Amino acid sequence: MSRDTSQQGLAPRRAALHLLDQVTGEQRPMSELLSEGALDHLDPEGRARAQRLATQTLRGLPRADRMLARFLQKTPPLHVRNILRLSTIELAGGEAAHGVVNAAVAMVGMNKRTAGMKGLVNAVLRKVAADLPGGWDKLAVPRLPKWLREPLKAAYGPQVVAEIERAHFAGAPLDLTAKTDPQAVAEAVGGTVLPTGTVRLAKGRQVSGLPGYEAGDWWVQDAAAALPARMLAAQPGERVLDLCAAPGGKTLQLAATGAEVTALDISDGRMGRVRQNLNRAGLSADLVVADALTYEAAPFDAILLDAPCSATGTIRRHPDLPHARDGSDFQKLFQLQAALIDRALALLKPGGRLAFCTCSLLPDEGEVQVEAALARHPELRVEAADPPGMDATWHSEPGGLRLRPDHWADRGGMDGFYMALLRKPA
C-alpha cells in the first residue's frame, strides 16, 4: 500500500475533509473548530498539513467547482463534493495524481452512504488531472460572495474589489512582530523587515520550529494588525488598557514598551492564550476577564480598542469566513462597536488617547464609527496617524488609516484594517 493511502497518509486528509464539511455544511468558522480540538488527534506535522489543505481548498473553492463542473452531470452530496474539491486543489498544487486519486477513493469508500460513488470519484479526478495543465490557470480568480462584494464595490469601486480578490486568492505570508530588534529576528528566521517594522517570511513555516520561538523573541502578527499599537505609542510607566485583548499580539506590543498594561477580554479561554503568549515572551500585564461594557477601573492614560467585528479584512488568511457568515449579524456588531467606543472614552483620563481599530473592510466598522463618535462627543478629535513606515495613500477620512489586502501587493499584501487615534478633551 502506498504512503498516500496508508492510515498515516489519510489522516490529515480526513481531518481536512472534516473541517470542510463543517465550514461548508454547518457554517462553522475554522477557528471555532480548531479551538474545540478538531485536529488534536494528529501530530504537529499532520495538524499543519490538515489545516493547510482545508485553507487552500476553501481559498480555491470556486475554481475547483468550475473545474469539476466540466465532468459532473449532476451535483453529488456535499461530503463527496468536498472530497472532489480537496483532491482538485491537491492536484492543482502539484501532488502526484495516483496518490491523490487513491486517497480520494479510499475516503469516499469509508462512508456507507457514499461508498457506491467510488467509481465516479475515480473517473472524475482522473479527468481533472488530465485537464489541469491547460485549464486551471485560465479559470477566474474566485469572487467574494455577493453579500460582501456589493458593499465593498460601493465603498471602493469594482477595480479595487477585483484587486482585493486577487490578494485573497494569493494567500498570506507569515508576519512576525519582534520584541526588540526586527533586523536580528529577520536574520535569524530568514525573513525581511517591512517599512513598518514587521518581519515577513515569504512562505509559511512551522512557527514553533523557527529560531527565537522558545525564547519569545517574536510573535505572529499581521503587518496591518501591528500598526494600532505603534500608532498609540504607549510610553514607559503609562497606564494602558487593551480592550478585547485576545489573542494578545497587541498586548505584547504594549507590554514591550514598558507601559503598565491591563489586558481585558470577556473569554477566559481566549485570555489563556494571552497568558501563554506573555509567558513565552517574558512580558507581563494584568489580565482581567470581564465584560468591557461593565468594566470599572481608575482612568487610563491610553486605551487600545480592537473591537469585535466582521473580520472581513482577514479573508486572505481565513478563507472560511465567507462560508461561515452571511452578513446578517453585522448590525449587532456595529452597535456593539459604538458602545465599546463610548465605554473606552469613559475609562480614559482627560487628555488621554484611544486607538480604535477593526480588522474589517467595511466602512460601517471603521470610518462611519469614527464619524458617529465625533458626533456623539463633539470635543473629541482625531489625531494624525503616522506610525513609522506607513504609506501616505493609507490616510482616510475623517482621519485615521484605511488598509486593504491589495496594499503592498508586491510584498505579499496585508490584512484589511481601519484604525484611528482619538484624543479625549483635557
Protein backbone atom coordinates (compact mmCIF):
# COMPACT_ATOMS: atom_id res chain seq x y z
CA MET A 1 0.00 0.00 0.00
CA SER A 2 1.37 3.43 -0.94
CA ARG A 3 2.11 6.08 1.68
CA ASP A 4 -0.75 8.31 0.46
CA THR A 5 -3.39 5.63 1.04
CA SER A 6 -1.97 4.38 4.33
CA GLN A 7 -3.79 5.38 7.51
CA GLN A 8 -0.94 7.77 8.30
CA GLY A 9 -1.25 9.44 4.91
CA LEU A 10 -5.05 9.56 5.00
CA ALA A 11 -5.36 11.04 8.49
CA PRO A 12 -4.53 14.67 7.59
CA ARG A 13 -6.75 14.49 4.50
CA ARG A 14 -9.66 13.09 6.52
CA ALA A 15 -9.17 15.82 9.13
CA ALA A 16 -9.13 18.47 6.41
CA LEU A 17 -12.29 16.94 4.94
CA HIS A 18 -13.99 17.15 8.34
CA LEU A 19 -13.13 20.85 8.54
CA LEU A 20 -14.51 21.41 5.04
CA ASP A 21 -17.75 19.57 5.83
CA GLN A 22 -18.26 21.65 8.97
CA VAL A 23 -17.45 25.00 7.34
CA THR A 24 -19.46 24.47 4.15
CA GLY A 25 -22.24 22.36 5.62
CA GLU A 26 -22.71 23.81 9.11
CA GLN A 27 -21.31 27.32 8.50
CA ARG A 28 -18.90 26.95 11.40
CA PRO A 29 -15.72 29.07 11.42
CA MET A 30 -12.50 27.11 11.33
CA SER A 31 -11.12 28.92 14.38
CA GLU A 32 -14.01 27.54 16.42
CA LEU A 33 -13.39 24.01 15.17
CA LEU A 34 -9.68 24.22 15.93
CA SER A 35 -10.30 25.58 19.43
CA GLU A 36 -12.53 22.55 20.05
CA GLY A 37 -9.65 20.23 19.17
CA ALA A 38 -10.67 19.12 15.68
CA LEU A 39 -7.03 18.37 14.83
CA ASP A 40 -5.72 17.37 18.25
CA HIS A 41 -5.56 13.68 17.28
CA LEU A 42 -2.82 14.45 14.74
CA ASP A 43 0.88 15.05 15.34
CA PRO A 44 2.20 18.60 14.70
CA GLU A 45 3.12 17.82 11.09
CA GLY A 46 -0.29 16.26 10.45
CA ARG A 47 -2.12 19.20 12.05
CA ALA A 48 -0.22 21.65 9.89
CA ARG A 49 -0.92 19.64 6.75
CA ALA A 50 -4.64 19.24 7.51
CA GLN A 51 -5.12 22.93 8.24
CA ARG A 52 -3.14 23.88 5.14
CA LEU A 53 -5.21 21.56 2.93
CA ALA A 54 -8.51 22.86 4.29
CA THR A 55 -7.41 26.51 3.97
CA GLN A 56 -6.13 26.06 0.42
CA THR A 57 -9.32 24.27 -0.60
CA LEU A 58 -11.58 26.99 0.82
CA ARG A 59 -9.47 29.65 -0.88
CA GLY A 60 -9.75 27.95 -4.26
CA LEU A 61 -13.26 26.53 -3.85
CA PRO A 62 -14.94 28.41 -6.72
CA ARG A 63 -12.12 27.45 -9.08
CA ALA A 64 -12.34 23.81 -8.04
CA ASP A 65 -16.11 23.84 -8.56
CA ARG A 66 -15.73 25.27 -12.06
CA MET A 67 -13.18 22.63 -12.94
CA LEU A 68 -15.31 19.81 -11.54
CA ALA A 69 -18.46 21.05 -13.28
CA ARG A 70 -16.90 20.05 -16.60
CA PHE A 71 -17.01 16.41 -15.60
CA LEU A 72 -20.11 16.15 -13.39
CA GLN A 73 -23.57 15.69 -14.87
CA LYS A 74 -25.21 16.39 -11.51
CA THR A 75 -24.03 17.69 -8.16
CA PRO A 76 -23.02 14.92 -5.74
CA PRO A 77 -23.69 15.05 -1.96
CA LEU A 78 -21.71 17.67 -0.07
CA HIS A 79 -19.34 15.17 1.54
CA VAL A 80 -18.40 13.73 -1.85
CA ARG A 81 -18.20 17.19 -3.38
CA ASN A 82 -15.75 18.23 -0.68
CA ILE A 83 -13.60 15.16 -1.35
CA LEU A 84 -13.51 16.15 -5.02
CA ARG A 85 -12.74 19.79 -4.14
CA LEU A 86 -9.95 18.85 -1.76
CA SER A 87 -8.44 16.47 -4.31
CA THR A 88 -8.69 19.01 -7.14
CA ILE A 89 -6.78 21.57 -5.06
CA GLU A 90 -4.12 18.98 -4.25
CA LEU A 91 -3.77 18.13 -7.94
CA ALA A 92 -3.55 21.82 -8.83
CA GLY A 93 -0.80 22.15 -6.24
CA GLY A 94 1.31 19.53 -7.97
CA GLU A 95 0.59 16.42 -5.89
CA ALA A 96 1.01 13.11 -7.72
CA ALA A 97 -2.27 12.10 -9.38
CA HIS A 98 -2.16 8.43 -8.38
CA GLY A 99 -1.77 9.25 -4.68
CA VAL A 100 -4.49 11.92 -4.68
CA VAL A 101 -6.97 9.78 -6.60
CA ASN A 102 -6.32 6.68 -4.49
CA ALA A 103 -6.75 8.66 -1.28
CA ALA A 104 -10.00 10.22 -2.52
CA VAL A 105 -11.43 6.84 -3.48
CA ALA A 106 -10.44 5.46 -0.08
CA MET A 107 -12.13 8.33 1.74
CA VAL A 108 -15.38 8.11 -0.20
CA GLY A 109 -15.44 4.39 0.49
CA MET A 110 -15.24 4.87 4.25
CA ASN A 111 -18.79 6.20 4.40
CA LYS A 112 -21.52 3.61 3.72
CA ARG A 113 -23.77 6.27 2.21
CA THR A 114 -21.14 7.32 -0.33
CA ALA A 115 -19.20 4.10 -0.94
CA GLY A 116 -21.16 3.50 -4.13
CA MET A 117 -19.63 6.63 -5.64
CA LYS A 118 -16.02 5.38 -5.64
CA GLY A 119 -16.15 4.81 -9.41
CA LEU A 120 -17.46 8.33 -10.02
CA VAL A 121 -14.77 9.92 -7.86
CA ASN A 122 -12.05 7.90 -9.55
CA ALA A 123 -13.24 8.80 -13.06
CA VAL A 124 -13.81 12.50 -12.37
CA LEU A 125 -10.46 13.07 -10.68
CA ARG A 126 -8.55 11.30 -13.45
CA LYS A 127 -10.22 13.65 -15.95
CA VAL A 128 -9.41 16.62 -13.74
CA ALA A 129 -5.76 15.56 -13.52
CA ALA A 130 -5.56 15.34 -17.31
CA ASP A 131 -7.27 18.72 -17.84
CA LEU A 132 -5.49 20.76 -15.14
CA PRO A 133 -2.28 21.64 -17.03
CA GLY A 134 -4.15 23.62 -19.66
CA GLY A 135 -7.21 24.68 -17.74
CA TRP A 136 -6.55 25.64 -14.13
CA ASP A 137 -4.76 28.96 -14.64
CA LYS A 138 -7.38 30.09 -17.17
CA LEU A 139 -10.12 29.99 -14.54
CA ALA A 140 -11.19 33.28 -13.00
CA VAL A 141 -9.94 34.44 -9.61
CA PRO A 142 -12.60 33.46 -7.02
CA ARG A 143 -15.02 36.26 -6.20
CA LEU A 144 -16.28 37.30 -2.81
CA PRO A 145 -19.89 36.37 -2.02
CA LYS A 146 -22.47 38.90 -3.13
CA TRP A 147 -23.40 39.93 0.43
CA LEU A 148 -19.86 41.24 0.89
CA ARG A 149 -18.84 42.10 -2.67
CA GLU A 150 -21.66 44.59 -3.22
CA PRO A 151 -20.93 46.85 -0.20
CA LEU A 152 -17.21 46.74 -1.00
CA LYS A 153 -17.90 47.77 -4.60
CA ALA A 154 -19.96 50.68 -3.29
CA ALA A 155 -17.11 51.72 -0.99
CA TYR A 156 -14.07 51.19 -3.24
CA GLY A 157 -15.25 50.52 -6.78
CA PRO A 158 -15.13 47.32 -8.85
CA GLN A 159 -11.45 47.61 -9.81
CA VAL A 160 -10.26 47.79 -6.20
CA VAL A 161 -12.55 44.90 -5.24
CA ALA A 162 -11.02 42.81 -8.04
CA GLU A 163 -7.56 43.62 -6.66
CA ILE A 164 -8.69 42.64 -3.16
CA GLU A 165 -9.97 39.33 -4.54
CA ARG A 166 -6.61 38.67 -6.21
CA ALA A 167 -4.89 39.34 -2.88
CA HIS A 168 -7.25 36.92 -1.13
CA PHE A 169 -6.54 34.20 -3.68
CA ALA A 170 -2.78 34.72 -3.33
CA GLY A 171 -2.97 33.98 0.39
CA ALA A 172 -0.83 35.50 3.11
CA PRO A 173 2.85 35.29 4.06
CA LEU A 174 3.90 34.78 7.68
CA ASP A 175 4.40 38.04 9.61
CA LEU A 176 6.22 38.37 12.93
CA THR A 177 6.48 41.23 15.42
CA ALA A 178 9.87 41.39 17.15
CA LYS A 179 10.01 42.07 20.87
CA THR A 180 13.09 44.26 20.46
CA ASP A 181 15.16 44.05 17.24
CA PRO A 182 13.33 43.33 13.95
CA GLN A 183 16.55 43.09 11.94
CA ALA A 184 18.01 40.48 14.27
CA VAL A 185 14.80 38.43 14.08
CA ALA A 186 14.75 38.73 10.28
CA GLU A 187 18.30 37.45 10.02
CA ALA A 188 17.55 34.56 12.39
CA VAL A 189 14.41 33.35 10.59
CA GLY A 190 15.41 34.22 7.02
CA GLY A 191 12.87 36.99 6.56
CA THR A 192 12.84 40.65 5.58
CA VAL A 193 11.90 43.76 7.54
CA LEU A 194 8.97 45.73 6.12
CA PRO A 195 8.99 49.55 6.28
CA THR A 196 6.67 49.47 9.31
CA GLY A 197 9.00 47.16 11.28
CA THR A 198 7.20 43.83 10.75
CA VAL A 199 9.35 40.81 9.87
CA ARG A 200 7.93 38.94 6.88
CA LEU A 201 8.61 35.41 5.68
CA ALA A 202 7.55 34.84 2.09
CA LYS A 203 6.23 31.35 2.79
CA GLY A 204 4.55 29.92 5.84
CA ARG A 205 6.72 27.73 8.05
CA GLN A 206 6.16 25.63 11.17
CA VAL A 207 6.01 28.52 13.66
CA SER A 208 7.21 26.64 16.72
CA GLY A 209 10.28 25.44 14.81
CA LEU A 210 11.54 28.90 13.90
CA PRO A 211 14.59 30.35 15.70
CA GLY A 212 13.58 32.58 18.60
CA TYR A 213 10.16 30.99 19.20
CA GLU A 214 11.01 29.33 22.50
CA ALA A 215 12.95 32.40 23.65
CA GLY A 216 9.94 34.62 22.94
CA ASP A 217 11.89 36.94 20.64
CA TRP A 218 8.80 37.48 18.45
CA TRP A 219 5.15 36.58 17.96
CA VAL A 220 2.96 36.01 14.91
CA GLN A 221 1.05 39.16 13.92
CA ASP A 222 -0.01 40.50 10.52
CA ALA A 223 1.74 43.69 9.44
CA ALA A 224 -1.53 45.65 9.50
CA ALA A 225 -2.52 44.32 12.92
CA ALA A 226 0.77 45.57 14.36
CA LEU A 227 0.09 49.21 13.45
CA PRO A 228 -2.60 50.23 16.02
CA ALA A 229 -0.27 49.68 18.98
CA ARG A 230 2.51 51.54 17.18
CA MET A 231 0.06 54.36 16.46
CA LEU A 232 -0.93 54.54 20.15
CA ALA A 233 2.79 54.85 21.04
CA ALA A 234 2.49 53.81 24.70
CA GLN A 235 5.22 55.22 26.93
CA PRO A 236 7.09 53.60 29.86
CA GLY A 237 5.09 53.94 33.05
CA GLU A 238 1.80 54.87 31.37
CA ARG A 239 -1.32 53.00 32.46
CA VAL A 240 -2.62 51.41 29.26
CA LEU A 241 -5.74 49.28 28.73
CA ASP A 242 -6.01 46.73 25.91
CA LEU A 243 -9.76 46.17 25.48
CA CYS A 244 -10.85 42.93 23.79
CA ALA A 245 -7.24 41.78 24.08
CA ALA A 246 -7.21 38.14 22.93
CA PRO A 247 -5.22 36.54 21.35
CA GLY A 248 -2.74 39.06 22.70
CA GLY A 249 -0.45 40.34 19.95
CA LYS A 250 -1.25 43.95 20.75
CA THR A 251 -0.97 43.27 24.50
CA LEU A 252 2.57 42.03 23.93
CA GLN A 253 3.41 45.11 21.86
CA LEU A 254 2.13 47.41 24.59
CA ALA A 255 3.90 45.48 27.36
CA ALA A 256 7.18 45.62 25.42
CA THR A 257 7.12 49.43 25.64
CA GLY A 258 7.43 49.38 29.43
CA ALA A 259 3.87 50.60 29.97
CA GLU A 260 1.75 49.25 32.84
CA VAL A 261 -0.69 47.21 30.76
CA THR A 262 -4.10 45.83 31.68
CA ALA A 263 -5.46 43.33 29.16
CA LEU A 264 -9.20 42.66 29.24
CA ASP A 265 -11.26 40.07 27.42
CA ILE A 266 -14.67 38.55 28.07
CA SER A 267 -13.49 34.98 27.34
CA ASP A 268 -11.48 33.11 29.97
CA GLY A 269 -10.41 30.57 27.35
CA ARG A 270 -9.15 33.24 24.97
CA MET A 271 -7.39 35.01 27.84
CA GLY A 272 -5.48 31.78 28.41
CA ARG A 273 -3.81 32.34 25.04
CA VAL A 274 -2.82 35.87 26.07
CA ARG A 275 -1.25 34.47 29.24
CA GLN A 276 0.68 31.83 27.27
CA ASN A 277 1.98 34.41 24.80
CA LEU A 278 3.07 36.77 27.57
CA ASN A 279 4.89 33.98 29.39
CA ARG A 280 6.71 32.87 26.25
CA ALA A 281 7.82 36.42 25.50
CA GLY A 282 8.84 37.13 29.10
CA LEU A 283 6.46 40.08 29.31
CA SER A 284 3.88 41.00 31.94
CA ALA A 285 0.40 42.51 32.04
CA ASP A 286 -2.53 42.49 34.43
CA LEU A 287 -5.08 40.10 32.90
CA VAL A 288 -8.77 40.71 33.55
CA VAL A 289 -11.65 38.51 32.39
CA ALA A 290 -14.71 40.77 32.26
CA ASP A 291 -17.30 42.39 30.03
CA ALA A 292 -15.76 45.57 28.63
CA LEU A 293 -19.16 47.31 28.72
CA THR A 294 -19.43 46.96 32.50
CA TYR A 295 -15.74 47.03 33.48
CA GLU A 296 -14.81 49.65 36.08
CA ALA A 297 -11.31 50.91 36.84
CA ALA A 298 -9.32 54.05 37.55
CA PRO A 299 -8.89 56.12 34.36
CA PHE A 300 -6.15 55.08 31.95
CA ASP A 301 -3.62 57.22 30.12
CA ALA A 302 -4.22 55.36 26.87
CA ILE A 303 -6.55 52.63 25.58
CA LEU A 304 -6.35 50.32 22.57
CA LEU A 305 -9.75 49.05 21.43
CA ASP A 306 -9.58 46.30 18.80
CA ALA A 307 -13.35 45.95 18.62
CA PRO A 308 -15.21 42.75 17.71
CA CYS A 309 -16.06 42.99 14.02
CA SER A 310 -16.91 41.08 10.84
CA ALA A 311 -13.20 40.20 10.35
CA THR A 312 -13.71 40.74 6.61
CA GLY A 313 -10.20 42.15 6.39
CA THR A 314 -8.67 38.77 7.26
CA ILE A 315 -10.17 36.60 4.49
CA ARG A 316 -6.80 36.06 2.78
CA ARG A 317 -5.73 34.19 5.96
CA HIS A 318 -9.19 32.89 6.89
CA PRO A 319 -10.98 31.88 3.67
CA ASP A 320 -13.62 30.07 5.73
CA LEU A 321 -15.21 33.40 6.74
CA PRO A 322 -17.31 33.91 3.57
CA HIS A 323 -18.80 30.46 4.16
CA ALA A 324 -19.35 30.88 7.91
CA ARG A 325 -21.06 34.27 7.69
CA ASP A 326 -23.72 35.92 5.55
CA GLY A 327 -23.76 39.48 6.91
CA SER A 328 -27.00 39.02 8.86
CA ASP A 329 -25.36 39.74 12.22
CA PHE A 330 -23.45 42.84 11.18
CA GLN A 331 -25.92 45.39 12.58
CA LYS A 332 -25.42 43.99 16.09
CA LEU A 333 -21.66 44.28 15.62
CA PHE A 334 -21.98 47.93 14.53
CA GLN A 335 -24.00 48.70 17.67
CA LEU A 336 -21.51 46.90 19.91
CA GLN A 337 -18.58 48.81 18.40
CA ALA A 338 -20.26 52.16 19.12
CA ALA A 339 -21.00 51.12 22.69
CA LEU A 340 -17.40 49.99 23.20
CA ILE A 341 -16.04 53.31 21.92
CA ASP A 342 -18.23 55.18 24.40
CA ARG A 343 -17.18 52.87 27.23
CA ALA A 344 -13.50 53.25 26.35
CA LEU A 345 -13.81 57.04 26.43
CA ALA A 346 -15.38 56.80 29.89
CA LEU A 347 -12.36 54.79 31.09
CA LEU A 348 -9.89 57.31 29.66
CA LYS A 349 -8.25 60.17 31.55
CA PRO A 350 -8.95 63.72 30.33
CA GLY A 351 -6.44 64.36 27.57
CA GLY A 352 -5.92 60.62 27.12
CA ARG A 353 -5.79 58.87 23.76
CA LEU A 354 -7.78 55.99 22.30
CA ALA A 355 -6.64 53.83 19.39
CA PHE A 356 -9.77 52.36 17.81
CA CYS A 357 -9.40 49.65 15.19
CA THR A 358 -11.24 46.83 13.44
CA CYS A 359 -9.93 44.13 11.08
CA SER A 360 -12.75 44.92 8.67
CA LEU A 361 -13.03 46.21 5.11
CA LEU A 362 -16.49 47.68 5.73
CA PRO A 363 -16.60 51.46 6.29
CA ASP A 364 -19.51 50.90 8.71
CA GLU A 365 -16.96 49.32 11.05
CA GLY A 366 -14.33 52.00 10.57
CA GLU A 367 -14.80 55.44 9.09
CA VAL A 368 -18.53 55.52 9.87
CA GLN A 369 -17.90 54.54 13.50
CA VAL A 370 -15.43 57.39 13.97
CA GLU A 371 -17.75 59.91 12.31
CA ALA A 372 -20.55 58.82 14.64
CA ALA A 373 -18.26 59.00 17.69
CA LEU A 374 -17.27 62.56 16.78
CA ALA A 375 -20.96 63.46 16.51
CA ARG A 376 -21.73 61.94 19.93
CA HIS A 377 -18.67 63.54 21.54
CA PRO A 378 -18.21 66.97 19.89
CA GLU A 379 -14.98 67.78 21.79
CA LEU A 380 -13.32 64.53 20.73
CA ARG A 381 -10.73 64.91 17.99
CA VAL A 382 -8.87 62.66 15.59
CA GLU A 383 -5.10 62.98 15.73
CA ALA A 384 -2.71 62.44 12.85
CA ALA A 385 -1.95 58.74 12.42
CA ASP A 386 1.64 58.42 11.28
CA PRO A 387 3.22 55.21 12.54
CA PRO A 388 6.73 54.57 11.15
CA GLY A 389 6.92 53.29 7.60
CA MET A 390 3.32 53.98 6.62
CA ASP A 391 2.29 54.98 3.12
CA ALA A 392 0.62 58.37 2.63
CA THR A 393 -2.11 56.74 0.50
CA TRP A 394 -3.40 54.91 3.58
CA HIS A 395 -4.87 58.09 5.10
CA SER A 396 -8.66 58.06 5.31
CA GLU A 397 -11.46 60.45 6.19
CA PRO A 398 -12.45 61.53 8.82
CA GLY A 399 -8.93 60.65 9.91
CA GLY A 400 -7.00 57.50 10.61
CA LEU A 401 -5.75 54.81 8.27
CA ARG A 402 -7.58 52.53 5.83
CA LEU A 403 -5.55 49.42 4.97
CA ARG A 404 -6.56 46.84 2.35
CA PRO A 405 -5.30 43.39 1.29
CA ASP A 406 -4.15 44.79 -2.06
CA HIS A 407 -1.83 47.31 -0.41
CA TRP A 408 1.82 46.25 -0.72
CA ALA A 409 0.72 43.65 -3.29
CA ASP A 410 4.33 43.32 -4.49
CA ARG A 411 5.39 42.48 -0.93
CA GLY A 412 2.59 40.00 -0.21
CA GLY A 413 -0.24 42.30 0.87
CA MET A 414 -1.67 42.84 4.35
CA ASP A 415 -4.90 42.38 6.24
CA GLY A 416 -7.73 44.86 5.79
CA PHE A 417 -7.91 47.24 8.76
CA TYR A 418 -9.23 50.59 9.83
CA MET A 419 -7.61 52.46 12.72
CA ALA A 420 -7.84 55.93 14.18
CA LEU A 421 -6.22 57.73 17.11
CA LEU A 422 -8.75 59.71 19.14
CA ARG A 423 -7.87 62.33 21.78
CA LYS A 424 -10.21 62.96 24.70
CA PRO A 425 -10.54 66.62 25.69
CA ALA A 426 -8.41 67.64 28.68
